[in-house]
PDB file of N, CA and C in Angstrom:
ATOM      1  N   MET A   1       6.468  23.593   0.041  1.00  0.00           N
ATOM      2  CA  MET A   1       6.209  22.498   0.946  1.00  0.00           C
ATOM      3  C   MET A   1       7.497  22.206   1.726  1.00  0.00           C
ATOM      4  N   ALA A   2       7.335  21.909   2.995  1.00  0.00           N
ATOM      5  CA  ALA A   2       8.492  21.657   3.851  1.00  0.00           C
ATOM      6  C   ALA A   2       9.202  20.379   3.451  1.00  0.00           C
ATOM      7  N   LYS A   3      10.493  20.347   3.780  1.00  0.00           N
ATOM      8  CA  LYS A   3      11.261  19.122   3.519  1.00  0.00           C
ATOM      9  C   LYS A   3      10.676  17.996   4.368  1.00  0.00           C
ATOM     10  N   LEU A   4      10.386  16.861   3.733  1.00  0.00           N
ATOM     11  CA  LEU A   4       9.622  15.814   4.403  1.00  0.00           C
ATOM     12  C   LEU A   4      10.470  14.775   5.110  1.00  0.00           C
ATOM     13  N   GLY A   5      11.749  14.742   4.859  1.00  0.00           N
ATOM     14  CA  GLY A   5      12.623  13.846   5.586  1.00  0.00           C
ATOM     15  C   GLY A   5      12.537  12.393   5.147  1.00  0.00           C
ATOM     16  N   VAL A   6      13.023  11.526   6.008  1.00  0.00           N
ATOM     17  CA  VAL A   6      13.205  10.119   5.682  1.00  0.00           C
ATOM     18  C   VAL A   6      11.891   9.392   5.423  1.00  0.00           C
ATOM     19  N   ILE A   7      10.829   9.717   6.166  1.00  0.00           N
ATOM     20  CA  ILE A   7       9.579   8.968   6.033  1.00  0.00           C
ATOM     21  C   ILE A   7       9.023   9.066   4.624  1.00  0.00           C
ATOM     22  N   MET A   8       9.125  10.221   3.989  1.00  0.00           N
ATOM     23  CA  MET A   8       8.549  10.381   2.667  1.00  0.00           C
ATOM     24  C   MET A   8       9.563  10.199   1.550  1.00  0.00           C
ATOM     25  N   SER A   9      10.772   9.790   1.905  1.00  0.00           N
ATOM     26  CA  SER A   9      11.736   9.457   0.863  1.00  0.00           C
ATOM     27  C   SER A   9      11.281   8.167   0.198  1.00  0.00           C
ATOM     28  N   ASP A  10      11.865   7.851  -0.933  1.00  0.00           N
ATOM     29  CA  ASP A  10      11.517   6.607  -1.613  1.00  0.00           C
ATOM     30  C   ASP A  10      11.752   5.400  -0.708  1.00  0.00           C
ATOM     31  N   LEU A  11      12.861   5.419   0.031  1.00  0.00           N
ATOM     32  CA  LEU A  11      13.143   4.308   0.945  1.00  0.00           C
ATOM     33  C   LEU A  11      12.143   4.262   2.093  1.00  0.00           C
ATOM     34  N   GLY A  12      11.736   5.432   2.556  1.00  0.00           N
ATOM     35  CA  GLY A  12      10.729   5.486   3.623  1.00  0.00           C
ATOM     36  C   GLY A  12       9.405   4.907   3.172  1.00  0.00           C
ATOM     37  N   LEU A  13       8.982   5.274   1.961  1.00  0.00           N
ATOM     38  CA  LEU A  13       7.730   4.725   1.427  1.00  0.00           C
ATOM     39  C   LEU A  13       7.842   3.216   1.213  1.00  0.00           C
ATOM     40  N   LEU A  14       8.996   2.763   0.744  1.00  0.00           N
ATOM     41  CA  LEU A  14       9.204   1.331   0.555  1.00  0.00           C
ATOM     42  C   LEU A  14       9.148   0.605   1.896  1.00  0.00           C
ATOM     43  N   LEU A  15       9.744   1.188   2.922  1.00  0.00           N
ATOM     44  CA  LEU A  15       9.701   0.583   4.251  1.00  0.00           C
ATOM     45  C   LEU A  15       8.263   0.501   4.766  1.00  0.00           C
ATOM     46  N   LEU A  16       7.490   1.583   4.595  1.00  0.00           N
ATOM     47  CA  LEU A  16       6.082   1.549   5.007  1.00  0.00           C
ATOM     48  C   LEU A  16       5.327   0.466   4.233  1.00  0.00           C
ATOM     49  N   HIS A  17       5.645   0.310   2.951  1.00  0.00           N
ATOM     50  CA  HIS A  17       5.009  -0.730   2.142  1.00  0.00           C
ATOM     51  C   HIS A  17       5.329  -2.119   2.691  1.00  0.00           C
ATOM     52  N   LEU A  18       6.591  -2.368   2.990  1.00  0.00           N
ATOM     53  CA  LEU A  18       6.992  -3.678   3.496  1.00  0.00           C
ATOM     54  C   LEU A  18       6.329  -3.979   4.842  1.00  0.00           C
ATOM     55  N   ILE A  19       6.242  -2.961   5.690  1.00  0.00           N
ATOM     56  CA  ILE A  19       5.569  -3.139   6.982  1.00  0.00           C
ATOM     57  C   ILE A  19       4.086  -3.447   6.759  1.00  0.00           C
ATOM     58  N   GLY A  20       3.440  -2.642   5.925  1.00  0.00           N
ATOM     59  CA  GLY A  20       2.004  -2.793   5.721  1.00  0.00           C
ATOM     60  C   GLY A  20       1.604  -4.028   4.952  1.00  0.00           C
ATOM     61  N   ASP A  21       2.383  -4.408   3.956  1.00  0.00           N
ATOM     62  CA  ASP A  21       1.983  -5.518   3.090  1.00  0.00           C
ATOM     63  C   ASP A  21       2.504  -6.868   3.564  1.00  0.00           C
ATOM     64  N   PHE A  22       3.485  -6.865   4.463  1.00  0.00           N
ATOM     65  CA  PHE A  22       4.041  -8.135   4.921  1.00  0.00           C
ATOM     66  C   PHE A  22       4.006  -8.259   6.444  1.00  0.00           C
ATOM     67  N   ALA A  23       4.684  -7.363   7.155  1.00  0.00           N
ATOM     68  CA  ALA A  23       4.799  -7.498   8.608  1.00  0.00           C
ATOM     69  C   ALA A  23       3.443  -7.374   9.311  1.00  0.00           C
ATOM     70  N   ALA A  24       2.592  -6.467   8.852  1.00  0.00           N
ATOM     71  CA  ALA A  24       1.303  -6.240   9.519  1.00  0.00           C
ATOM     72  C   ALA A  24       0.190  -7.139   8.985  1.00  0.00           C
ATOM     73  N   GLN A  25       0.488  -7.973   8.012  1.00  0.00           N
ATOM     74  CA  GLN A  25      -0.530  -8.840   7.420  1.00  0.00           C
ATOM     75  C   GLN A  25      -0.561 -10.186   8.146  1.00  0.00           C
ATOM     76  N   THR A  26      -1.710 -10.518   8.687  1.00  0.00           N
ATOM     77  CA  THR A  26      -1.857 -11.790   9.390  1.00  0.00           C
ATOM     78  C   THR A  26      -2.115 -12.919   8.383  1.00  0.00           C
ATOM     79  N   ASP A  27      -2.045 -14.145   8.864  1.00  0.00           N
ATOM     80  CA  ASP A  27      -2.367 -15.287   7.996  1.00  0.00           C
ATOM     81  C   ASP A  27      -3.800 -15.182   7.491  1.00  0.00           C
ATOM     82  N   TRP A  28      -4.703 -14.741   8.364  1.00  0.00           N
ATOM     83  CA  TRP A  28      -6.101 -14.585   7.970  1.00  0.00           C
ATOM     84  C   TRP A  28      -6.234 -13.574   6.838  1.00  0.00           C
ATOM     85  N   MET A  29      -5.519 -12.460   6.952  1.00  0.00           N
ATOM     86  CA  MET A  29      -5.581 -11.440   5.908  1.00  0.00           C
ATOM     87  C   MET A  29      -5.004 -11.947   4.592  1.00  0.00           C
ATOM     88  N   SER A  30      -4.067 -12.864   4.665  1.00  0.00           N
ATOM     89  CA  SER A  30      -3.438 -13.345   3.430  1.00  0.00           C
ATOM     90  C   SER A  30      -4.401 -14.159   2.570  1.00  0.00           C
ATOM     91  N   THR A  31      -5.563 -14.473   3.117  1.00  0.00           N
ATOM     92  CA  THR A  31      -6.599 -15.153   2.329  1.00  0.00           C
ATOM     93  C   THR A  31      -7.476 -14.139   1.602  1.00  0.00           C
ATOM     94  N   LYS A  32      -7.044 -12.894   1.578  1.00  0.00           N
ATOM     95  CA  LYS A  32      -7.887 -11.790   1.107  1.00  0.00           C
ATOM     96  C   LYS A  32      -8.434 -11.955  -0.302  1.00  0.00           C
ATOM     97  N   HIS A  33      -7.759 -12.685  -1.153  1.00  0.00           N
ATOM     98  CA  HIS A  33      -8.279 -12.850  -2.501  1.00  0.00           C
ATOM     99  C   HIS A  33      -9.525 -13.733  -2.514  1.00  0.00           C
ATOM    100  N   GLN A  34      -9.785 -14.404  -1.387  1.00  0.00           N
ATOM    101  CA  GLN A  34     -10.980 -15.244  -1.275  1.00  0.00           C
ATOM    102  C   GLN A  34     -12.025 -14.637  -0.346  1.00  0.00           C
ATOM    103  N   ASN A  35     -11.659 -13.658   0.452  1.00  0.00           N
ATOM    104  CA  ASN A  35     -12.518 -13.139   1.497  1.00  0.00           C
ATOM    105  C   ASN A  35     -12.531 -11.607   1.432  1.00  0.00           C
ATOM    106  N   ARG A  36     -13.636 -11.026   1.028  1.00  0.00           N
ATOM    107  CA  ARG A  36     -13.705  -9.568   0.852  1.00  0.00           C
ATOM    108  C   ARG A  36     -13.520  -8.807   2.160  1.00  0.00           C
ATOM    109  N   PHE A  37     -14.014  -9.362   3.280  1.00  0.00           N
ATOM    110  CA  PHE A  37     -13.838  -8.698   4.564  1.00  0.00           C
ATOM    111  C   PHE A  37     -12.364  -8.665   4.950  1.00  0.00           C
ATOM    112  N   ALA A  38     -11.663  -9.775   4.742  1.00  0.00           N
ATOM    113  CA  ALA A  38     -10.225  -9.820   5.031  1.00  0.00           C
ATOM    114  C   ALA A  38      -9.477  -8.832   4.136  1.00  0.00           C
ATOM    115  N   LEU A  39      -9.892  -8.733   2.878  1.00  0.00           N
ATOM    116  CA  LEU A  39      -9.288  -7.764   1.955  1.00  0.00           C
ATOM    117  C   LEU A  39      -9.472  -6.346   2.472  1.00  0.00           C
ATOM    118  N   LEU A  40     -10.685  -6.020   2.915  1.00  0.00           N
ATOM    119  CA  LEU A  40     -10.969  -4.686   3.438  1.00  0.00           C
ATOM    120  C   LEU A  40     -10.112  -4.379   4.667  1.00  0.00           C
ATOM    121  N   ILE A  41     -10.031  -5.307   5.596  1.00  0.00           N
ATOM    122  CA  ILE A  41      -9.230  -5.096   6.809  1.00  0.00           C
ATOM    123  C   ILE A  41      -7.757  -4.936   6.455  1.00  0.00           C
ATOM    124  N   HIS A  42      -7.246  -5.768   5.546  1.00  0.00           N
ATOM    125  CA  HIS A  42      -5.846  -5.645   5.133  1.00  0.00           C
ATOM    126  C   HIS A  42      -5.586  -4.279   4.503  1.00  0.00           C
ATOM    127  N   CYS A  43      -6.457  -3.857   3.603  1.00  0.00           N
ATOM    128  CA  CYS A  43      -6.247  -2.579   2.912  1.00  0.00           C
ATOM    129  C   CYS A  43      -6.385  -1.390   3.860  1.00  0.00           C
ATOM    130  N   LEU A  44      -7.292  -1.472   4.820  1.00  0.00           N
ATOM    131  CA  LEU A  44      -7.419  -0.407   5.826  1.00  0.00           C
ATOM    132  C   LEU A  44      -6.178  -0.343   6.716  1.00  0.00           C
ATOM    133  N   THR A  45      -5.660  -1.507   7.119  1.00  0.00           N
ATOM    134  CA  THR A  45      -4.437  -1.550   7.938  1.00  0.00           C
ATOM    135  C   THR A  45      -3.260  -0.971   7.162  1.00  0.00           C
ATOM    136  N   TYR A  46      -3.115  -1.408   5.929  1.00  0.00           N
ATOM    137  CA  TYR A  46      -2.045  -0.925   5.044  1.00  0.00           C
ATOM    138  C   TYR A  46      -2.127   0.591   4.898  1.00  0.00           C
ATOM    139  N   THR A  47      -3.325   1.097   4.650  1.00  0.00           N
ATOM    140  CA  THR A  47      -3.519   2.530   4.463  1.00  0.00           C
ATOM    141  C   THR A  47      -3.260   3.298   5.752  1.00  0.00           C
ATOM    142  N   ALA A  48      -3.670   2.758   6.896  1.00  0.00           N
ATOM    143  CA  ALA A  48      -3.435   3.423   8.179  1.00  0.00           C
ATOM    144  C   ALA A  48      -1.946   3.592   8.460  1.00  0.00           C
ATOM    145  N   ILE A  49      -1.151   2.624   8.046  1.00  0.00           N
ATOM    146  CA  ILE A  49       0.305   2.726   8.226  1.00  0.00           C
ATOM    147  C   ILE A  49       0.841   3.905   7.414  1.00  0.00           C
ATOM    148  N   PHE A  50       0.370   4.051   6.173  1.00  0.00           N
ATOM    149  CA  PHE A  50       0.802   5.184   5.358  1.00  0.00           C
ATOM    150  C   PHE A  50       0.266   6.505   5.886  1.00  0.00           C
ATOM    151  N   ALA A  51      -0.993   6.533   6.301  1.00  0.00           N
ATOM    152  CA  ALA A  51      -1.572   7.768   6.840  1.00  0.00           C
ATOM    153  C   ALA A  51      -0.783   8.229   8.062  1.00  0.00           C
ATOM    154  N   SER A  52      -0.378   7.275   8.906  1.00  0.00           N
ATOM    155  CA  SER A  52       0.446   7.613  10.075  1.00  0.00           C
ATOM    156  C   SER A  52       1.798   8.178   9.644  1.00  0.00           C
ATOM    157  N   GLY A  53       2.385   7.576   8.618  1.00  0.00           N
ATOM    158  CA  GLY A  53       3.657   8.077   8.094  1.00  0.00           C
ATOM    159  C   GLY A  53       3.530   9.482   7.535  1.00  0.00           C
ATOM    160  N   PHE A  54       2.443   9.744   6.802  1.00  0.00           N
ATOM    161  CA  PHE A  54       2.213  11.093   6.266  1.00  0.00           C
ATOM    162  C   PHE A  54       2.071  12.097   7.401  1.00  0.00           C
ATOM    163  N   TRP A  55       1.326  11.713   8.430  1.00  0.00           N
ATOM    164  CA  TRP A  55       1.116  12.606   9.569  1.00  0.00           C
ATOM    165  C   TRP A  55       2.434  12.880  10.294  1.00  0.00           C
ATOM    166  N   LEU A  56       3.212  11.824  10.549  1.00  0.00           N
ATOM    167  CA  LEU A  56       4.503  11.998  11.234  1.00  0.00           C
ATOM    168  C   LEU A  56       5.467  12.853  10.419  1.00  0.00           C
ATOM    169  N   ALA A  57       5.369  12.773   9.097  1.00  0.00           N
ATOM    170  CA  ALA A  57       6.260  13.539   8.220  1.00  0.00           C
ATOM    171  C   ALA A  57       5.788  14.980   8.046  1.00  0.00           C
ATOM    172  N   GLY A  58       4.610  15.301   8.560  1.00  0.00           N
ATOM    173  CA  GLY A  58       4.110  16.666   8.443  1.00  0.00           C
ATOM    174  C   GLY A  58       3.519  16.991   7.084  1.00  0.00           C
ATOM    175  N   VAL A  59       3.053  15.963   6.382  1.00  0.00           N
ATOM    176  CA  VAL A  59       2.410  16.192   5.087  1.00  0.00           C
ATOM    177  C   VAL A  59       1.117  16.952   5.347  1.00  0.00           C
ATOM    178  N   GLU A  60       0.845  17.937   4.514  1.00  0.00           N
ATOM    179  CA  GLU A  60      -0.372  18.733   4.638  1.00  0.00           C
ATOM    180  C   GLU A  60      -1.569  17.787   4.669  1.00  0.00           C
ATOM    181  N   PRO A  61      -2.530  17.982   5.612  1.00  0.00           N
ATOM    182  CA  PRO A  61      -3.616  17.022   5.805  1.00  0.00           C
ATOM    183  C   PRO A  61      -4.419  16.677   4.548  1.00  0.00           C
ATOM    184  N   THR A  62      -4.745  17.662   3.720  1.00  0.00           N
ATOM    185  CA  THR A  62      -5.508  17.368   2.507  1.00  0.00           C
ATOM    186  C   THR A  62      -4.706  16.472   1.572  1.00  0.00           C
ATOM    187  N   THR A  63      -3.428  16.764   1.429  1.00  0.00           N
ATOM    188  CA  THR A  63      -2.549  15.935   0.593  1.00  0.00           C
ATOM    189  C   THR A  63      -2.467  14.525   1.161  1.00  0.00           C
ATOM    190  N   GLY A  64      -2.318  14.410   2.470  1.00  0.00           N
ATOM    191  CA  GLY A  64      -2.252  13.101   3.115  1.00  0.00           C
ATOM    192  C   GLY A  64      -3.524  12.294   2.907  1.00  0.00           C
ATOM    193  N   LEU A  65      -4.679  12.965   2.964  1.00  0.00           N
ATOM    194  CA  LEU A  65      -5.947  12.263   2.748  1.00  0.00           C
ATOM    195  C   LEU A  65      -6.082  11.778   1.308  1.00  0.00           C
ATOM    196  N   TRP A  66      -5.740  12.639   0.349  1.00  0.00           N
ATOM    197  CA  TRP A  66      -5.815  12.235  -1.062  1.00  0.00           C
ATOM    198  C   TRP A  66      -4.878  11.072  -1.348  1.00  0.00           C
ATOM    199  N   CYS A  67      -3.652  11.171  -0.842  1.00  0.00           N
ATOM    200  CA  CYS A  67      -2.681  10.091  -1.065  1.00  0.00           C
ATOM    201  C   CYS A  67      -3.133   8.807  -0.379  1.00  0.00           C
ATOM    202  N   SER A  68      -3.667   8.919   0.834  1.00  0.00           N
ATOM    203  CA  SER A  68      -4.157   7.734   1.543  1.00  0.00           C
ATOM    204  C   SER A  68      -5.319   7.099   0.791  1.00  0.00           C
ATOM    205  N   GLY A  69      -6.220   7.921   0.259  1.00  0.00           N
ATOM    206  CA  GLY A  69      -7.329   7.392  -0.533  1.00  0.00           C
ATOM    207  C   GLY A  69      -6.847   6.669  -1.776  1.00  0.00           C
ATOM    208  N   LEU A  70      -5.866   7.246  -2.455  1.00  0.00           N
ATOM    209  CA  LEU A  70      -5.294   6.613  -3.638  1.00  0.00           C
ATOM    210  C   LEU A  70      -4.617   5.286  -3.277  1.00  0.00           C
ATOM    211  N   ILE A  71      -3.899   5.290  -2.168  1.00  0.00           N
ATOM    212  CA  ILE A  71      -3.238   4.073  -1.707  1.00  0.00           C
ATOM    213  C   ILE A  71      -4.275   2.998  -1.395  1.00  0.00           C
ATOM    214  N   PHE A  72      -5.349   3.370  -0.694  1.00  0.00           N
ATOM    215  CA  PHE A  72      -6.379   2.397  -0.352  1.00  0.00           C
ATOM    216  C   PHE A  72      -7.025   1.806  -1.604  1.00  0.00           C
ATOM    217  N   LEU A  73      -7.498   2.667  -2.494  1.00  0.00           N
ATOM    218  CA  LEU A  73      -8.187   2.186  -3.694  1.00  0.00           C
ATOM    219  C   LEU A  73      -7.281   1.335  -4.580  1.00  0.00           C
ATOM    220  N   SER A  74      -6.053   1.788  -4.774  1.00  0.00           N
ATOM    221  CA  SER A  74      -5.141   1.019  -5.626  1.00  0.00           C
ATOM    222  C   SER A  74      -4.777  -0.316  -4.979  1.00  0.00           C
ATOM    223  N   HIS A  75      -4.709  -0.332  -3.654  1.00  0.00           N
ATOM    224  CA  HIS A  75      -4.373  -1.580  -2.972  1.00  0.00           C
ATOM    225  C   HIS A  75      -5.523  -2.579  -3.078  1.00  0.00           C
ATOM    226  N   VAL A  76      -6.746  -2.092  -2.964  1.00  0.00           N
ATOM    227  CA  VAL A  76      -7.904  -2.977  -3.138  1.00  0.00           C
ATOM    228  C   VAL A  76      -7.891  -3.589  -4.535  1.00  0.00           C
ATOM    229  N   VAL A  77      -7.685  -2.750  -5.551  1.00  0.00           N
ATOM    230  CA  VAL A  77      -7.695  -3.236  -6.932  1.00  0.00           C
ATOM    231  C   VAL A  77      -6.565  -4.246  -7.161  1.00  0.00           C
ATOM    232  N   ALA A  78      -5.369  -3.930  -6.673  1.00  0.00           N
ATOM    233  CA  ALA A  78      -4.226  -4.820  -6.901  1.00  0.00           C
ATOM    234  C   ALA A  78      -4.360  -6.144  -6.147  1.00  0.00           C
ATOM    235  N   ASP A  79      -4.950  -6.091  -4.938  1.00  0.00           N
ATOM    236  CA  ASP A  79      -5.021  -7.306  -4.114  1.00  0.00           C
ATOM    237  C   ASP A  79      -6.284  -8.125  -4.354  1.00  0.00           C
ATOM    238  N   TRP A  80      -7.313  -7.530  -4.916  1.00  0.00           N
ATOM    239  CA  TRP A  80      -8.508  -8.296  -5.258  1.00  0.00           C
ATOM    240  C   TRP A  80      -8.182  -9.021  -6.544  1.00  0.00           C
ATOM    241  N   ARG A  81      -8.061 -10.305  -6.489  1.00  0.00           N
ATOM    242  CA  ARG A  81      -7.426 -11.039  -7.569  1.00  0.00           C
ATOM    243  C   ARG A  81      -8.347 -11.941  -8.373  1.00  0.00           C
ATOM    244  N   PRO A  82      -9.289 -11.384  -9.089  1.00  0.00           N
ATOM    245  CA  PRO A  82     -10.004 -12.262 -10.005  1.00  0.00           C
ATOM    246  C   PRO A  82      -9.084 -12.632 -11.163  1.00  0.00           C
ATOM    247  N   TRP A  83      -7.994 -11.882 -11.301  1.00  0.00           N
ATOM    248  CA  TRP A  83      -7.040 -12.081 -12.392  1.00  0.00           C
ATOM    249  C   TRP A  83      -5.912 -13.026 -12.012  1.00  0.00           C
ATOM    250  N   THR A  84      -5.943 -13.576 -10.782  1.00  0.00           N
ATOM    251  CA  THR A  84      -4.884 -14.500 -10.380  1.00  0.00           C
ATOM    252  C   THR A  84      -4.789 -15.647 -11.377  1.00  0.00           C
ATOM    253  N   LEU A  85      -3.599 -15.983 -11.718  1.00  0.00           N
ATOM    254  CA  LEU A  85      -3.363 -16.948 -12.784  1.00  0.00           C
ATOM    255  C   LEU A  85      -3.343 -18.396 -12.310  1.00  0.00           C
ATOM    256  N   GLY A  86      -3.664 -18.628 -11.067  1.00  0.00           N
ATOM    257  CA  GLY A  86      -3.659 -19.992 -10.547  1.00  0.00           C
ATOM    258  C   GLY A  86      -2.422 -20.254  -9.710  1.00  0.00           C
ATOM    259  N   SER A  87      -2.452 -21.316  -8.922  1.00  0.00           N
ATOM    260  CA  SER A  87      -1.358 -21.584  -7.989  1.00  0.00           C
ATOM    261  C   SER A  87      -0.026 -21.811  -8.702  1.00  0.00           C
ATOM    262  N   ARG A  88      -0.064 -22.386  -9.882  1.00  0.00           N
ATOM    263  CA  ARG A  88       1.180 -22.618 -10.625  1.00  0.00           C
ATOM    264  C   ARG A  88       1.867 -21.295 -10.977  1.00  0.00           C
ATOM    265  N   TRP A  89       1.071 -20.250 -11.161  1.00  0.00           N
ATOM    266  CA  TRP A  89       1.587 -18.943 -11.571  1.00  0.00           C
ATOM    267  C   TRP A  89       1.584 -17.934 -10.425  1.00  0.00           C
ATOM    268  N   HIS A  90       1.491 -18.425  -9.186  1.00  0.00           N
ATOM    269  CA  HIS A  90       1.388 -17.525  -8.035  1.00  0.00           C
ATOM    270  C   HIS A  90       2.526 -16.504  -7.990  1.00  0.00           C
ATOM    271  N   HIS A  91       3.750 -16.929  -8.287  1.00  0.00           N
ATOM    272  CA  HIS A  91       4.890 -16.007  -8.225  1.00  0.00           C
ATOM    273  C   HIS A  91       4.743 -14.866  -9.238  1.00  0.00           C
ATOM    274  N   LYS A  92       4.124 -15.127 -10.381  1.00  0.00           N
ATOM    275  CA  LYS A  92       3.915 -14.058 -11.362  1.00  0.00           C
ATOM    276  C   LYS A  92       2.827 -13.110 -10.899  1.00  0.00           C
ATOM    277  N   ALA A  93       1.761 -13.633 -10.298  1.00  0.00           N
ATOM    278  CA  ALA A  93       0.709 -12.782  -9.751  1.00  0.00           C
ATOM    279  C   ALA A  93       1.270 -11.920  -8.623  1.00  0.00           C
ATOM    280  N   MET A  94       2.131 -12.498  -7.800  1.00  0.00           N
ATOM    281  CA  MET A  94       2.766 -11.755  -6.701  1.00  0.00           C
ATOM    282  C   MET A  94       3.650 -10.643  -7.250  1.00  0.00           C
ATOM    283  N   ALA A  95       4.394 -10.917  -8.300  1.00  0.00           N
ATOM    284  CA  ALA A  95       5.253  -9.900  -8.916  1.00  0.00           C
ATOM    285  C   ALA A  95       4.408  -8.766  -9.496  1.00  0.00           C
ATOM    286  N   LEU A  96       3.305  -9.099 -10.136  1.00  0.00           N
ATOM    287  CA  LEU A  96       2.397  -8.079 -10.671  1.00  0.00           C
ATOM    288  C   LEU A  96       1.825  -7.223  -9.551  1.00  0.00           C
ATOM    289  N   ASP A  97       1.398  -7.872  -8.472  1.00  0.00           N
ATOM    290  CA  ASP A  97       0.839  -7.202  -7.308  1.00  0.00           C
ATOM    291  C   ASP A  97       1.843  -6.207  -6.726  1.00  0.00           C
ATOM    292  N   GLN A  98       3.064  -6.664  -6.499  1.00  0.00           N
ATOM    293  CA  GLN A  98       4.089  -5.802  -5.901  1.00  0.00           C
ATOM    294  C   GLN A  98       4.498  -4.675  -6.855  1.00  0.00           C
ATOM    295  N   THR A  99       4.544  -4.952  -8.133  1.00  0.00           N
ATOM    296  CA  THR A  99       4.864  -3.911  -9.116  1.00  0.00           C
ATOM    297  C   THR A  99       3.806  -2.816  -9.101  1.00  0.00           C
ATOM    298  N   ALA A 100       2.545  -3.205  -9.000  1.00  0.00           N
ATOM    299  CA  ALA A 100       1.460  -2.218  -8.932  1.00  0.00           C
ATOM    300  C   ALA A 100       1.597  -1.359  -7.683  1.00  0.00           C
ATOM    301  N   HIS A 101       1.841  -1.983  -6.537  1.00  0.00           N
ATOM    302  CA  HIS A 101       1.980  -1.223  -5.286  1.00  0.00           C
ATOM    303  C   HIS A 101       3.160  -0.248  -5.351  1.00  0.00           C
ATOM    304  N   ILE A 102       4.303  -0.730  -5.793  1.00  0.00           N
ATOM    305  CA  ILE A 102       5.505   0.111  -5.861  1.00  0.00           C
ATOM    306  C   ILE A 102       5.307   1.239  -6.871  1.00  0.00           C
ATOM    307  N   GLY A 103       4.658   0.951  -7.980  1.00  0.00           N
ATOM    308  CA  GLY A 103       4.387   1.987  -8.988  1.00  0.00           C
ATOM    309  C   GLY A 103       3.550   3.124  -8.434  1.00  0.00           C
ATOM    310  N   ILE A 104       2.497   2.797  -7.691  1.00  0.00           N
ATOM    311  CA  ILE A 104       1.656   3.830  -7.075  1.00  0.00           C
ATOM    312  C   ILE A 104       2.471   4.643  -6.072  1.00  0.00           C
ATOM    313  N   LEU A 105       3.276   3.970  -5.269  1.00  0.00           N
ATOM    314  CA  LEU A 105       4.095   4.686  -4.277  1.00  0.00           C
ATOM    315  C   LEU A 105       5.131   5.579  -4.949  1.00  0.00           C
ATOM    316  N   PHE A 106       5.654   5.141  -6.071  1.00  0.00           N
ATOM    317  CA  PHE A 106       6.600   5.952  -6.835  1.00  0.00           C
ATOM    318  C   PHE A 106       5.925   7.254  -7.281  1.00  0.00           C
ATOM    319  N   LEU A 107       4.705   7.156  -7.785  1.00  0.00           N
ATOM    320  CA  LEU A 107       3.962   8.358  -8.209  1.00  0.00           C
ATOM    321  C   LEU A 107       3.649   9.262  -7.011  1.00  0.00           C
ATOM    322  N   ILE A 108       3.255   8.651  -5.900  1.00  0.00           N
ATOM    323  CA  ILE A 108       2.941   9.435  -4.698  1.00  0.00           C
ATOM    324  C   ILE A 108       4.169  10.143  -4.171  1.00  0.00           C
ATOM    325  N   SER A 109       5.331   9.507  -4.279  1.00  0.00           N
ATOM    326  CA  SER A 109       6.554  10.132  -3.761  1.00  0.00           C
ATOM    327  C   SER A 109       6.838  11.472  -4.448  1.00  0.00           C
ATOM    328  N   PHE A 110       6.481  11.599  -5.721  1.00  0.00           N
ATOM    329  CA  PHE A 110       6.658  12.862  -6.409  1.00  0.00           C
ATOM    330  C   PHE A 110       5.636  13.887  -5.981  1.00  0.00           C
ATOM    331  N   TYR A 111       4.442  13.433  -5.638  1.00  0.00           N
ATOM    332  CA  TYR A 111       3.364  14.341  -5.262  1.00  0.00           C
ATOM    333  C   TYR A 111       3.581  14.960  -3.890  1.00  0.00           C
ATOM    334  N   VAL A 112       4.097  14.170  -2.934  1.00  0.00           N
ATOM    335  CA  VAL A 112       4.211  14.667  -1.555  1.00  0.00           C
ATOM    336  C   VAL A 112       5.522  15.415  -1.295  1.00  0.00           C
ATOM    337  N   ARG A 113       6.408  15.470  -2.245  1.00  0.00           N
ATOM    338  CA  ARG A 113       7.685  16.187  -2.012  1.00  0.00           C
ATOM    339  C   ARG A 113       7.506  17.664  -2.134  1.00  0.00           C
TER     340      ARG A 113
END
C-alpha cells in the first residue's frame, strides 16, 4: 500500500475527527441524542469528512468504503445516548463518547497504513 501521508496519520485522523465532531456540527445537530434525524445527518456529515480524507489520501476505494462504514456505524452507536447519565454527568458521557470515537480511529489508522 502506498504511503498515505499526513491525512491518514494519527494526527490527520484526529484533525478530521475534530472537524467532523465539533466544527461541522451545528447547534441543531448537537440535539442528536434527542432527535434521530439530527443524529443521522450528523453521522453522515462526520463520515463524509472522513471519506473525503480517505479519497484525498489515495486510500484504495474498497478500504475507504469499509472504513467509512465502520466510522458511520460506530459514530451512530456512540452518539445515540440512551446510556447518557444525565445532565449532572454530562462531562463523563462526553468523555466516554470521545474515547469511543478516538478508539475506533486508532484501530482504523492501523488498517489504512
